[in-house]
Every structure is written in C-alpha cells, then in structure tokens.
Amino acid sequence: MRTHLTSLLFLLCCTLWLSAVGHAQTGYELRGEGDTSMRVLGSSTLHDWEMETANVTGDAVFVLADATEPALEAIKNLSFALRVEDLKSGNKGLDNNAYDALQAEEYPRIAYQLTSATLSPQAKGQLAKTRGRLTIAGTTRDIEMDVFVVVNADASVTCKGSYSLSMTDYDVTPPSFMLGVMKTGDVITLHFSVTYEKSSEGA
C-alpha cells in the first residue's frame, strides 16, 4: 500500500514539474522606449486634436508555452501608466488647458490595471477580451476592451488597442480654449501600442 502511494505521489510531482516547464509564467515590463506609444484623440468645434507620449511604464505576467516559437497561453497580470503632463500636442495652450481639466497637479497619472483576459486566435496574433480598471483624474471605472496581442521573435509581447470614453464619466469637464470659442467634445479615444520585454527578474 505504501509503495502504491509513493508511486502516485511521484507521478503527481512529475506531472506538476512537466506542467511548469511546458508553461512558463514570466514577468515583463515596459521600458518607455522603442515601439511604445499612447495617444489621446478628441474633437472640438474647430478641429480634431491629438496628444501623444512614449513615456509609458507598466508590467505584466504572461504564460508562454515552452516552444521554439513562443506562444501566449494566458495573461495573468497587466498594467500601464503615464504622467498626464507627458502628453503633448505641439500646442502649449491646448496642453495646459488639458492638464488643468485632468487636474494633473492633484492626479498626475492615468493608469490601467487588468482584472481578466480571455484569449482567442487571430491572424498573426491573438485577440484578448479584457476587463480592467481605468483611472483618470482620480476616478476609477471598470472597462472592457479588445486588445490585439503578438508574441515577437525575441519573446517580447506587443499589445495594441483603443478605448473611447466620455470625459464626464470621469468627472472631467471638457476643456475650452480661446475664451470659449473652441470647445472640445466630451468623447475622447485612447490609442495604445505597448511592448513588454522580459524583466531582469523574469529573464
């Protein structure tokens, strides 16, 4: 009986070990350079406008199948954040009004934290149906968005997507310019393309 139990325990340990080897859970991070960008697009009574930054920070935990060509099995964690005042449009007046509207001094960061993700195969990548929490101007909302995910040849992971929102849902008053002549619309769209690389701890 003892021999039988020992054999079962040995088989269980082997199974768990093989599972761990075949599905590597790895830590990743954004390094704020390369193929990383965050854009905010909006409209106004005069013309459309856009603000952009490449200074984005964040980390993630991806589960990759142990294969010659890495394949994404699951997303266990993912986050990114940016400083509001790193967003630039090329128009200083527009930038300053946007910072005031977003209360950048009191709430200096826009941040996103994933809570769940479901993957499905797509051409040249995978589609992640995600749920997460987006924080703007100190207000946090639960959101759902589609993210296109690609595992690159160097095992870095690129995530691309967009999300449209109403500023007033985050208690942000759409800014106006030129003594009210130019008024921005309530709806803005966040476009992002971020590439996570293996962290020094996860490498």
N, C-alpha and C. Protein backbone atom coordinates (compact mmCIF):
# COMPACT_ATOMS: atom_id res chain seq x y z
N MET A 1 0.83 -1.20 0.00
CA MET A 1 0.00 0.00 0.00
C MET A 1 0.87 1.26 0.00
N ARG A 2 1.94 1.22 0.87
CA ARG A 2 2.83 2.36 0.94
C ARG A 2 3.55 2.57 -0.39
N THR A 3 3.97 1.46 -1.03
CA THR A 3 4.66 1.55 -2.33
C THR A 3 3.75 2.17 -3.38
N HIS A 4 2.47 1.77 -3.36
CA HIS A 4 1.50 2.30 -4.32
C HIS A 4 1.30 3.80 -4.10
N LEU A 5 1.20 4.22 -2.84
CA LEU A 5 1.01 5.64 -2.53
C LEU A 5 2.23 6.45 -2.94
N THR A 6 3.41 5.89 -2.69
CA THR A 6 4.65 6.58 -3.07
C THR A 6 4.72 6.78 -4.58
N SER A 7 4.31 5.77 -5.32
CA SER A 7 4.32 5.86 -6.79
C SER A 7 3.37 6.94 -7.28
N LEU A 8 2.19 7.01 -6.65
CA LEU A 8 1.22 8.03 -7.04
C LEU A 8 1.76 9.44 -6.77
N LEU A 9 2.40 9.61 -5.62
CA LEU A 9 2.97 10.92 -5.28
C LEU A 9 4.08 11.29 -6.26
N PHE A 10 4.89 10.31 -6.63
CA PHE A 10 5.97 10.56 -7.57
C PHE A 10 5.42 10.99 -8.93
N LEU A 11 4.37 10.29 -9.40
CA LEU A 11 3.76 10.64 -10.68
C LEU A 11 3.15 12.04 -10.63
N LEU A 12 2.53 12.38 -9.50
CA LEU A 12 1.93 13.70 -9.35
C LEU A 12 3.00 14.79 -9.41
N CYS A 13 4.11 14.57 -8.73
CA CYS A 13 5.20 15.55 -8.74
C CYS A 13 5.77 15.72 -10.15
N CYS A 14 5.93 14.61 -10.86
CA CYS A 14 6.44 14.68 -12.24
C CYS A 14 5.49 15.45 -13.14
N THR A 15 4.18 15.21 -12.97
CA THR A 15 3.18 15.90 -13.78
C THR A 15 3.23 17.40 -13.53
N LEU A 16 3.31 17.79 -12.26
CA LEU A 16 3.37 19.21 -11.92
C LEU A 16 4.63 19.85 -12.46
N TRP A 17 5.74 19.13 -12.40
CA TRP A 17 7.01 19.67 -12.89
C TRP A 17 6.97 19.86 -14.40
N LEU A 18 6.43 18.87 -15.11
CA LEU A 18 6.34 18.98 -16.57
C LEU A 18 5.41 20.11 -16.97
N SER A 19 4.33 20.29 -16.20
CA SER A 19 3.40 21.38 -16.49
C SER A 19 4.08 22.73 -16.31
N ALA A 20 4.88 22.85 -15.25
CA ALA A 20 5.59 24.11 -15.01
C ALA A 20 6.61 24.39 -16.10
N VAL A 21 7.30 23.35 -16.56
CA VAL A 21 8.29 23.52 -17.61
C VAL A 21 7.63 23.90 -18.93
N GLY A 22 6.50 23.26 -19.23
CA GLY A 22 5.84 23.48 -20.51
C GLY A 22 5.07 24.78 -20.59
N HIS A 23 4.79 25.42 -19.45
CA HIS A 23 4.03 26.65 -19.45
C HIS A 23 4.74 27.63 -18.52
N ALA A 24 5.65 28.41 -19.08
CA ALA A 24 6.47 29.30 -18.27
C ALA A 24 5.74 30.60 -17.98
N GLN A 25 5.55 30.90 -16.69
CA GLN A 25 4.94 32.16 -16.26
C GLN A 25 6.07 33.16 -16.04
N THR A 26 6.07 34.23 -16.83
CA THR A 26 7.23 35.12 -16.87
C THR A 26 6.84 36.57 -16.63
N GLY A 27 7.66 37.27 -15.85
CA GLY A 27 7.43 38.68 -15.60
C GLY A 27 7.98 39.55 -16.72
N TYR A 28 7.21 40.57 -17.09
CA TYR A 28 7.59 41.50 -18.15
C TYR A 28 7.44 42.93 -17.65
N GLU A 29 8.06 43.87 -18.36
CA GLU A 29 7.93 45.27 -18.01
C GLU A 29 8.04 46.15 -19.24
N LEU A 30 7.45 47.35 -19.13
CA LEU A 30 7.61 48.37 -20.16
C LEU A 30 8.83 49.20 -19.82
N ARG A 31 9.59 49.56 -20.85
CA ARG A 31 10.79 50.34 -20.59
C ARG A 31 10.71 51.76 -21.16
N GLY A 32 9.50 52.15 -21.58
CA GLY A 32 9.29 53.53 -22.01
C GLY A 32 10.09 53.95 -23.23
N GLU A 33 10.34 53.02 -24.13
CA GLU A 33 11.12 53.33 -25.32
C GLU A 33 10.73 52.38 -26.44
N GLY A 34 11.31 52.61 -27.63
CA GLY A 34 11.04 51.68 -28.73
C GLY A 34 9.62 51.82 -29.25
N ASP A 35 8.94 50.69 -29.41
CA ASP A 35 7.62 50.67 -30.02
C ASP A 35 6.51 50.87 -29.00
N THR A 36 6.65 51.87 -28.16
CA THR A 36 5.64 52.14 -27.14
C THR A 36 5.09 53.55 -27.34
N SER A 37 3.77 53.66 -27.42
CA SER A 37 3.15 54.98 -27.56
C SER A 37 1.74 54.95 -27.00
N MET A 38 1.33 56.11 -26.50
CA MET A 38 -0.03 56.30 -26.01
C MET A 38 -0.54 57.60 -26.62
N ARG A 39 -1.69 57.53 -27.30
CA ARG A 39 -2.26 58.72 -27.93
C ARG A 39 -3.66 58.96 -27.39
N VAL A 40 -4.00 60.24 -27.24
CA VAL A 40 -5.35 60.64 -26.85
C VAL A 40 -5.90 61.49 -27.99
N LEU A 41 -7.00 61.05 -28.58
CA LEU A 41 -7.61 61.75 -29.71
C LEU A 41 -8.96 62.31 -29.31
N GLY A 42 -9.23 63.54 -29.77
CA GLY A 42 -10.50 64.16 -29.47
C GLY A 42 -10.94 65.10 -30.58
N SER A 43 -12.10 65.70 -30.39
CA SER A 43 -12.64 66.64 -31.38
C SER A 43 -12.93 67.97 -30.69
N SER A 44 -13.21 68.97 -31.50
CA SER A 44 -13.59 70.28 -30.96
C SER A 44 -14.48 70.98 -31.98
N THR A 45 -14.96 72.16 -31.60
CA THR A 45 -15.81 72.92 -32.51
C THR A 45 -15.01 73.47 -33.70
N LEU A 46 -13.67 73.48 -33.61
CA LEU A 46 -12.84 73.98 -34.71
C LEU A 46 -12.13 72.88 -35.47
N HIS A 47 -11.52 71.94 -34.77
CA HIS A 47 -10.76 70.88 -35.44
C HIS A 47 -10.49 69.75 -34.47
N ASP A 48 -10.11 68.61 -35.02
CA ASP A 48 -9.72 67.48 -34.17
C ASP A 48 -8.36 67.77 -33.53
N TRP A 49 -8.08 67.10 -32.44
CA TRP A 49 -6.80 67.30 -31.76
C TRP A 49 -6.25 65.96 -31.28
N GLU A 50 -4.96 65.95 -30.99
CA GLU A 50 -4.30 64.72 -30.58
C GLU A 50 -3.14 65.04 -29.64
N MET A 51 -3.00 64.25 -28.59
CA MET A 51 -1.87 64.34 -27.68
C MET A 51 -1.20 62.97 -27.63
N GLU A 52 0.13 62.96 -27.44
CA GLU A 52 0.84 61.69 -27.51
C GLU A 52 2.03 61.68 -26.56
N THR A 53 2.38 60.49 -26.08
CA THR A 53 3.60 60.29 -25.31
C THR A 53 4.15 58.89 -25.56
N ALA A 54 5.47 58.77 -25.43
CA ALA A 54 6.11 57.45 -25.49
C ALA A 54 6.59 57.03 -24.10
N ASN A 55 6.37 57.91 -23.11
CA ASN A 55 6.82 57.62 -21.75
C ASN A 55 5.71 56.88 -20.99
N VAL A 56 5.68 55.59 -21.16
CA VAL A 56 4.67 54.74 -20.53
C VAL A 56 5.39 53.68 -19.69
N THR A 57 4.93 53.49 -18.47
CA THR A 57 5.51 52.46 -17.60
C THR A 57 4.47 51.38 -17.34
N GLY A 58 4.93 50.22 -16.91
CA GLY A 58 3.99 49.14 -16.60
C GLY A 58 4.68 47.81 -16.48
N ASP A 59 3.92 46.81 -16.08
CA ASP A 59 4.45 45.46 -16.01
C ASP A 59 3.35 44.46 -16.33
N ALA A 60 3.75 43.22 -16.53
CA ALA A 60 2.80 42.17 -16.91
C ALA A 60 3.37 40.82 -16.54
N VAL A 61 2.48 39.85 -16.43
CA VAL A 61 2.88 38.45 -16.26
C VAL A 61 2.17 37.65 -17.35
N PHE A 62 2.95 37.09 -18.26
CA PHE A 62 2.43 36.28 -19.35
C PHE A 62 2.81 34.82 -19.14
N VAL A 63 1.90 33.92 -19.53
CA VAL A 63 2.20 32.49 -19.52
C VAL A 63 2.48 32.08 -20.95
N LEU A 64 3.71 31.65 -21.22
CA LEU A 64 4.12 31.27 -22.56
C LEU A 64 4.36 29.77 -22.64
N ALA A 65 3.88 29.15 -23.71
CA ALA A 65 4.17 27.74 -23.95
C ALA A 65 5.65 27.62 -24.28
N ASP A 66 6.27 26.59 -23.76
CA ASP A 66 7.70 26.37 -23.99
C ASP A 66 7.88 25.71 -25.35
N ALA A 67 8.09 26.55 -26.36
CA ALA A 67 8.20 26.04 -27.73
C ALA A 67 9.26 26.84 -28.47
N THR A 68 9.65 26.35 -29.65
CA THR A 68 10.65 27.05 -30.45
C THR A 68 10.16 28.45 -30.79
N GLU A 69 8.89 28.57 -31.15
CA GLU A 69 8.26 29.86 -31.36
C GLU A 69 7.31 30.11 -30.20
N PRO A 70 7.64 31.03 -29.27
CA PRO A 70 6.83 31.23 -28.08
C PRO A 70 5.37 31.52 -28.41
N ALA A 71 4.46 30.86 -27.71
CA ALA A 71 3.03 31.06 -27.91
C ALA A 71 2.41 31.49 -26.58
N LEU A 72 1.54 32.49 -26.64
CA LEU A 72 0.92 33.01 -25.43
C LEU A 72 -0.22 32.10 -24.98
N GLU A 73 -0.15 31.64 -23.75
CA GLU A 73 -1.18 30.77 -23.18
C GLU A 73 -2.19 31.56 -22.35
N ALA A 74 -1.71 32.58 -21.62
CA ALA A 74 -2.60 33.34 -20.74
C ALA A 74 -1.93 34.64 -20.33
N ILE A 75 -2.76 35.60 -19.92
CA ILE A 75 -2.28 36.85 -19.34
C ILE A 75 -2.71 36.87 -17.88
N LYS A 76 -1.76 36.78 -16.97
CA LYS A 76 -2.06 36.73 -15.54
C LYS A 76 -2.15 38.11 -14.92
N ASN A 77 -1.40 39.05 -15.48
CA ASN A 77 -1.41 40.41 -14.94
C ASN A 77 -0.93 41.36 -16.04
N LEU A 78 -1.45 42.58 -16.02
CA LEU A 78 -1.00 43.58 -16.97
C LEU A 78 -1.41 44.95 -16.47
N SER A 79 -0.49 45.89 -16.53
CA SER A 79 -0.80 47.26 -16.13
C SER A 79 0.05 48.23 -16.94
N PHE A 80 -0.44 49.45 -17.08
CA PHE A 80 0.39 50.52 -17.62
C PHE A 80 -0.08 51.85 -17.05
N ALA A 81 0.83 52.82 -17.07
CA ALA A 81 0.53 54.14 -16.53
C ALA A 81 1.37 55.18 -17.25
N LEU A 82 0.87 56.42 -17.26
CA LEU A 82 1.61 57.52 -17.85
C LEU A 82 1.34 58.80 -17.07
N ARG A 83 2.29 59.70 -17.11
CA ARG A 83 2.11 61.00 -16.50
C ARG A 83 1.30 61.88 -17.44
N VAL A 84 0.26 62.53 -16.89
CA VAL A 84 -0.59 63.39 -17.70
C VAL A 84 0.24 64.45 -18.42
N GLU A 85 1.21 65.05 -17.72
CA GLU A 85 1.98 66.14 -18.31
C GLU A 85 3.03 65.67 -19.31
N ASP A 86 3.14 64.37 -19.51
CA ASP A 86 3.98 63.86 -20.60
C ASP A 86 3.24 63.85 -21.93
N LEU A 87 1.92 63.98 -21.89
CA LEU A 87 1.12 64.05 -23.11
C LEU A 87 1.33 65.41 -23.77
N LYS A 88 1.69 65.41 -25.05
CA LYS A 88 1.96 66.65 -25.76
C LYS A 88 1.21 66.67 -27.09
N SER A 89 0.72 67.87 -27.46
CA SER A 89 0.01 68.03 -28.73
C SER A 89 0.79 68.87 -29.73
N GLY A 90 1.83 69.57 -29.25
CA GLY A 90 2.50 70.54 -30.11
C GLY A 90 1.92 71.93 -29.97
N ASN A 91 0.84 72.05 -29.18
CA ASN A 91 0.21 73.34 -28.91
C ASN A 91 0.21 73.54 -27.39
N LYS A 92 1.05 74.44 -26.91
CA LYS A 92 1.22 74.62 -25.47
C LYS A 92 -0.07 75.03 -24.78
N GLY A 93 -0.85 75.89 -25.44
CA GLY A 93 -2.11 76.33 -24.84
C GLY A 93 -3.08 75.18 -24.67
N LEU A 94 -3.20 74.34 -25.70
CA LEU A 94 -4.07 73.16 -25.61
C LEU A 94 -3.59 72.23 -24.51
N ASP A 95 -2.27 72.02 -24.45
CA ASP A 95 -1.72 71.13 -23.43
C ASP A 95 -2.07 71.61 -22.03
N ASN A 96 -1.83 72.90 -21.76
CA ASN A 96 -2.07 73.43 -20.42
C ASN A 96 -3.53 73.34 -20.02
N ASN A 97 -4.43 73.61 -20.96
CA ASN A 97 -5.86 73.50 -20.67
C ASN A 97 -6.26 72.06 -20.40
N ALA A 98 -5.66 71.13 -21.14
CA ALA A 98 -5.94 69.71 -20.91
C ALA A 98 -5.43 69.28 -19.55
N TYR A 99 -4.23 69.74 -19.16
CA TYR A 99 -3.69 69.38 -17.85
C TYR A 99 -4.59 69.91 -16.73
N ASP A 100 -5.09 71.14 -16.91
CA ASP A 100 -5.98 71.72 -15.90
C ASP A 100 -7.27 70.90 -15.80
N ALA A 101 -7.84 70.54 -16.95
CA ALA A 101 -9.09 69.77 -16.95
C ALA A 101 -8.90 68.41 -16.29
N LEU A 102 -7.73 67.80 -16.50
CA LEU A 102 -7.44 66.48 -15.92
C LEU A 102 -6.89 66.57 -14.50
N GLN A 103 -6.81 67.81 -13.97
CA GLN A 103 -6.33 68.03 -12.60
C GLN A 103 -4.98 67.35 -12.38
N ALA A 104 -4.06 67.66 -13.30
CA ALA A 104 -2.77 66.96 -13.32
C ALA A 104 -1.95 67.16 -12.06
N GLU A 105 -2.08 68.31 -11.42
CA GLU A 105 -1.30 68.54 -10.20
C GLU A 105 -1.75 67.62 -9.08
N GLU A 106 -3.06 67.42 -8.96
CA GLU A 106 -3.59 66.56 -7.89
C GLU A 106 -3.56 65.08 -8.29
N TYR A 107 -3.83 64.80 -9.56
CA TYR A 107 -3.86 63.42 -10.05
C TYR A 107 -2.92 63.31 -11.26
N PRO A 108 -1.63 63.14 -11.02
CA PRO A 108 -0.65 63.25 -12.10
C PRO A 108 -0.61 62.08 -13.09
N ARG A 109 -1.31 60.97 -12.79
CA ARG A 109 -1.17 59.79 -13.65
C ARG A 109 -2.51 59.30 -14.18
N ILE A 110 -2.47 58.77 -15.38
CA ILE A 110 -3.55 57.94 -15.94
C ILE A 110 -3.05 56.50 -15.84
N ALA A 111 -3.88 55.61 -15.30
CA ALA A 111 -3.40 54.24 -15.05
C ALA A 111 -4.46 53.21 -15.43
N TYR A 112 -3.98 52.04 -15.83
CA TYR A 112 -4.86 50.92 -16.18
C TYR A 112 -4.35 49.66 -15.50
N GLN A 113 -5.29 48.87 -14.95
CA GLN A 113 -4.95 47.59 -14.33
C GLN A 113 -5.90 46.51 -14.85
N LEU A 114 -5.35 45.50 -15.48
CA LEU A 114 -6.15 44.38 -15.97
C LEU A 114 -6.71 43.57 -14.81
N THR A 115 -7.96 43.10 -14.96
CA THR A 115 -8.53 42.18 -13.97
C THR A 115 -8.78 40.80 -14.56
N SER A 116 -9.03 40.71 -15.88
CA SER A 116 -9.20 39.39 -16.50
C SER A 116 -9.01 39.51 -18.01
N ALA A 117 -8.64 38.39 -18.63
CA ALA A 117 -8.45 38.38 -20.09
C ALA A 117 -8.74 37.00 -20.63
N THR A 118 -9.46 36.95 -21.75
CA THR A 118 -9.75 35.70 -22.45
C THR A 118 -9.15 35.79 -23.84
N LEU A 119 -8.32 34.82 -24.21
CA LEU A 119 -7.60 34.85 -25.48
C LEU A 119 -8.28 34.00 -26.54
N SER A 120 -8.23 34.47 -27.78
CA SER A 120 -8.70 33.68 -28.93
C SER A 120 -7.76 33.93 -30.10
N PRO A 121 -7.47 32.89 -30.91
CA PRO A 121 -6.52 33.03 -32.02
C PRO A 121 -7.00 34.03 -33.07
N GLN A 122 -6.06 34.79 -33.61
CA GLN A 122 -6.31 35.71 -34.71
C GLN A 122 -5.15 35.59 -35.69
N ALA A 123 -5.33 36.11 -36.89
CA ALA A 123 -4.23 36.10 -37.85
C ALA A 123 -3.05 36.88 -37.29
N LYS A 124 -1.89 36.24 -37.23
CA LYS A 124 -0.64 36.85 -36.77
C LYS A 124 -0.67 37.30 -35.32
N GLY A 125 -1.53 36.71 -34.51
CA GLY A 125 -1.56 37.08 -33.10
C GLY A 125 -2.76 36.51 -32.39
N GLN A 126 -3.16 37.16 -31.30
CA GLN A 126 -4.32 36.73 -30.55
C GLN A 126 -5.13 37.94 -30.12
N LEU A 127 -6.44 37.73 -29.99
CA LEU A 127 -7.33 38.77 -29.50
C LEU A 127 -7.62 38.51 -28.04
N ALA A 128 -7.36 39.50 -27.21
CA ALA A 128 -7.65 39.39 -25.78
C ALA A 128 -8.90 40.20 -25.46
N LYS A 129 -9.94 39.52 -25.00
CA LYS A 129 -11.14 40.19 -24.49
C LYS A 129 -10.85 40.51 -23.03
N THR A 130 -10.65 41.77 -22.73
CA THR A 130 -10.17 42.13 -21.40
C THR A 130 -11.20 42.90 -20.58
N ARG A 131 -11.04 42.76 -19.29
CA ARG A 131 -11.72 43.61 -18.32
C ARG A 131 -10.65 44.21 -17.42
N GLY A 132 -10.87 45.46 -17.05
CA GLY A 132 -9.88 46.11 -16.21
C GLY A 132 -10.43 47.37 -15.58
N ARG A 133 -9.52 48.11 -14.91
CA ARG A 133 -9.91 49.32 -14.21
C ARG A 133 -9.04 50.47 -14.71
N LEU A 134 -9.71 51.49 -15.24
CA LEU A 134 -9.03 52.67 -15.79
C LEU A 134 -9.23 53.84 -14.84
N THR A 135 -8.13 54.50 -14.48
CA THR A 135 -8.18 55.63 -13.56
C THR A 135 -7.73 56.89 -14.27
N ILE A 136 -8.61 57.90 -14.28
CA ILE A 136 -8.33 59.20 -14.87
C ILE A 136 -8.81 60.27 -13.90
N ALA A 137 -7.96 61.25 -13.62
CA ALA A 137 -8.30 62.36 -12.73
C ALA A 137 -8.83 61.87 -11.39
N GLY A 138 -8.27 60.78 -10.90
CA GLY A 138 -8.64 60.27 -9.59
C GLY A 138 -9.91 59.44 -9.56
N THR A 139 -10.57 59.27 -10.70
CA THR A 139 -11.79 58.47 -10.78
C THR A 139 -11.50 57.17 -11.50
N THR A 140 -11.93 56.06 -10.91
CA THR A 140 -11.68 54.74 -11.48
C THR A 140 -12.98 54.12 -11.98
N ARG A 141 -12.94 53.59 -13.19
CA ARG A 141 -14.11 52.92 -13.78
C ARG A 141 -13.70 51.54 -14.29
N ASP A 142 -14.63 50.59 -14.20
CA ASP A 142 -14.43 49.27 -14.80
C ASP A 142 -14.70 49.39 -16.30
N ILE A 143 -13.80 48.84 -17.11
CA ILE A 143 -13.97 48.93 -18.56
C ILE A 143 -13.72 47.57 -19.20
N GLU A 144 -14.24 47.40 -20.41
CA GLU A 144 -13.97 46.23 -21.24
C GLU A 144 -13.42 46.71 -22.57
N MET A 145 -12.37 46.07 -23.05
CA MET A 145 -11.82 46.45 -24.36
C MET A 145 -11.12 45.27 -25.00
N ASP A 146 -11.06 45.32 -26.33
CA ASP A 146 -10.35 44.30 -27.10
C ASP A 146 -8.90 44.74 -27.31
N VAL A 147 -7.99 43.81 -27.08
CA VAL A 147 -6.56 44.10 -27.23
C VAL A 147 -5.95 43.05 -28.16
N PHE A 148 -5.25 43.50 -29.19
CA PHE A 148 -4.56 42.58 -30.09
C PHE A 148 -3.17 42.33 -29.54
N VAL A 149 -2.81 41.06 -29.37
CA VAL A 149 -1.56 40.69 -28.70
C VAL A 149 -0.69 39.85 -29.64
N VAL A 150 0.58 40.22 -29.73
CA VAL A 150 1.54 39.49 -30.56
C VAL A 150 2.77 39.16 -29.74
N VAL A 151 3.19 37.89 -29.79
CA VAL A 151 4.47 37.49 -29.21
C VAL A 151 5.52 37.61 -30.30
N ASN A 152 6.50 38.48 -30.10
CA ASN A 152 7.52 38.74 -31.11
C ASN A 152 8.62 37.68 -31.09
N ALA A 153 9.45 37.69 -32.11
CA ALA A 153 10.50 36.68 -32.24
C ALA A 153 11.47 36.69 -31.06
N ASP A 154 11.67 37.87 -30.44
CA ASP A 154 12.58 37.96 -29.30
C ASP A 154 11.87 37.69 -27.97
N ALA A 155 10.62 37.19 -28.05
CA ALA A 155 9.79 36.85 -26.88
C ALA A 155 9.24 38.07 -26.17
N SER A 156 9.44 39.27 -26.72
CA SER A 156 8.72 40.43 -26.19
C SER A 156 7.26 40.32 -26.63
N VAL A 157 6.36 41.03 -25.95
CA VAL A 157 4.93 40.93 -26.22
C VAL A 157 4.37 42.32 -26.50
N THR A 158 3.78 42.50 -27.67
CA THR A 158 3.19 43.78 -28.06
C THR A 158 1.68 43.73 -27.92
N CYS A 159 1.12 44.74 -27.26
CA CYS A 159 -0.33 44.85 -27.07
C CYS A 159 -0.81 46.15 -27.71
N LYS A 160 -1.84 46.04 -28.56
CA LYS A 160 -2.38 47.21 -29.24
C LYS A 160 -3.90 47.25 -29.04
N GLY A 161 -4.41 48.45 -28.87
CA GLY A 161 -5.85 48.57 -28.73
C GLY A 161 -6.28 50.02 -28.63
N SER A 162 -7.57 50.23 -28.46
CA SER A 162 -8.11 51.57 -28.29
C SER A 162 -9.37 51.49 -27.44
N TYR A 163 -9.69 52.61 -26.81
CA TYR A 163 -10.88 52.65 -25.96
C TYR A 163 -11.43 54.07 -25.97
N SER A 164 -12.72 54.20 -26.27
CA SER A 164 -13.39 55.50 -26.28
C SER A 164 -14.16 55.70 -24.98
N LEU A 165 -14.12 56.92 -24.47
CA LEU A 165 -14.79 57.21 -23.20
C LEU A 165 -15.31 58.64 -23.20
N SER A 166 -16.24 58.88 -22.30
CA SER A 166 -16.74 60.23 -22.07
C SER A 166 -15.97 60.84 -20.90
N MET A 167 -15.40 62.01 -21.10
CA MET A 167 -14.65 62.65 -20.03
C MET A 167 -15.51 62.89 -18.80
N THR A 168 -16.78 63.21 -19.01
CA THR A 168 -17.66 63.49 -17.88
C THR A 168 -17.90 62.26 -17.02
N ASP A 169 -17.72 61.05 -17.58
CA ASP A 169 -17.84 59.83 -16.77
C ASP A 169 -16.73 59.76 -15.73
N TYR A 170 -15.65 60.50 -15.96
CA TYR A 170 -14.52 60.53 -15.03
C TYR A 170 -14.45 61.87 -14.30
N ASP A 171 -15.59 62.56 -14.27
CA ASP A 171 -15.70 63.86 -13.59
C ASP A 171 -14.73 64.89 -14.15
N VAL A 172 -14.47 64.80 -15.46
CA VAL A 172 -13.60 65.76 -16.14
C VAL A 172 -14.48 66.65 -17.02
N THR A 173 -14.37 67.95 -16.85
CA THR A 173 -15.10 68.89 -17.69
C THR A 173 -14.32 69.11 -18.98
N PRO A 174 -14.92 68.83 -20.13
CA PRO A 174 -14.19 69.03 -21.40
C PRO A 174 -13.65 70.45 -21.49
N PRO A 175 -12.35 70.61 -21.74
CA PRO A 175 -11.75 71.95 -21.74
C PRO A 175 -12.20 72.79 -22.93
N SER A 176 -12.11 74.11 -22.75
CA SER A 176 -12.39 75.05 -23.83
C SER A 176 -11.19 75.99 -23.97
N PHE A 177 -11.09 76.63 -25.13
CA PHE A 177 -9.94 77.47 -25.44
C PHE A 177 -10.42 78.76 -26.10
N MET A 178 -9.51 79.71 -26.20
CA MET A 178 -9.79 80.96 -26.91
C MET A 178 -11.07 81.61 -26.39
N LEU A 179 -11.12 81.73 -25.05
CA LEU A 179 -12.26 82.36 -24.38
C LEU A 179 -13.58 81.66 -24.72
N GLY A 180 -13.51 80.35 -24.89
CA GLY A 180 -14.72 79.57 -25.13
C GLY A 180 -15.08 79.40 -26.58
N VAL A 181 -14.31 80.03 -27.50
CA VAL A 181 -14.61 79.89 -28.93
C VAL A 181 -14.41 78.45 -29.38
N MET A 182 -13.35 77.82 -28.86
CA MET A 182 -13.06 76.42 -29.20
C MET A 182 -13.42 75.55 -28.01
N LYS A 183 -14.38 74.66 -28.20
CA LYS A 183 -14.81 73.75 -27.14
C LYS A 183 -14.57 72.31 -27.58
N THR A 184 -13.97 71.54 -26.71
CA THR A 184 -13.70 70.14 -27.05
C THR A 184 -14.93 69.29 -26.82
N GLY A 185 -15.03 68.20 -27.58
CA GLY A 185 -16.13 67.26 -27.38
C GLY A 185 -15.91 66.43 -26.13
N ASP A 186 -16.96 65.82 -25.65
CA ASP A 186 -16.89 65.03 -24.42
C ASP A 186 -16.17 63.71 -24.63
N VAL A 187 -16.27 63.14 -25.83
CA VAL A 187 -15.72 61.81 -26.10
C VAL A 187 -14.27 61.91 -26.56
N ILE A 188 -13.40 61.13 -25.93
CA ILE A 188 -12.01 61.01 -26.37
C ILE A 188 -11.70 59.53 -26.57
N THR A 189 -10.67 59.25 -27.35
CA THR A 189 -10.26 57.87 -27.60
C THR A 189 -8.80 57.69 -27.24
N LEU A 190 -8.53 56.67 -26.43
CA LEU A 190 -7.16 56.31 -26.09
C LEU A 190 -6.70 55.24 -27.05
N HIS A 191 -5.60 55.50 -27.75
CA HIS A 191 -4.97 54.51 -28.62
C HIS A 191 -3.63 54.14 -28.01
N PHE A 192 -3.35 52.86 -27.92
CA PHE A 192 -2.07 52.47 -27.33
C PHE A 192 -1.42 51.33 -28.10
N SER A 193 -0.11 51.37 -28.11
CA SER A 193 0.72 50.28 -28.63
C SER A 193 1.90 50.17 -27.68
N VAL A 194 1.92 49.11 -26.90
CA VAL A 194 2.95 48.97 -25.87
C VAL A 194 3.63 47.61 -26.02
N THR A 195 4.94 47.60 -25.87
CA THR A 195 5.70 46.36 -25.99
C THR A 195 6.37 46.04 -24.67
N TYR A 196 5.99 44.90 -24.11
CA TYR A 196 6.56 44.44 -22.84
C TYR A 196 7.75 43.54 -23.13
N GLU A 197 8.83 43.77 -22.40
CA GLU A 197 10.02 42.93 -22.51
C GLU A 197 10.25 42.20 -21.20
N LYS A 198 10.92 41.06 -21.27
CA LYS A 198 11.18 40.29 -20.06
C LYS A 198 11.92 41.14 -19.05
N SER A 199 11.42 41.14 -17.81
CA SER A 199 12.08 41.91 -16.76
C SER A 199 13.37 41.21 -16.36
N SER A 200 14.24 41.95 -15.67
CA SER A 200 15.51 41.37 -15.24
C SER A 200 15.29 40.19 -14.31
N GLU A 201 14.20 40.24 -13.52
CA GLU A 201 13.88 39.14 -12.62
C GLU A 201 13.29 37.97 -13.37
N GLY A 202 12.52 38.29 -14.49
CA GLY A 202 11.86 37.23 -15.23
C GLY A 202 12.69 36.65 -16.34
N ALA A 203 13.84 37.29 -16.62
CA ALA A 203 14.67 36.82 -17.73
C ALA A 203 15.39 35.54 -17.39
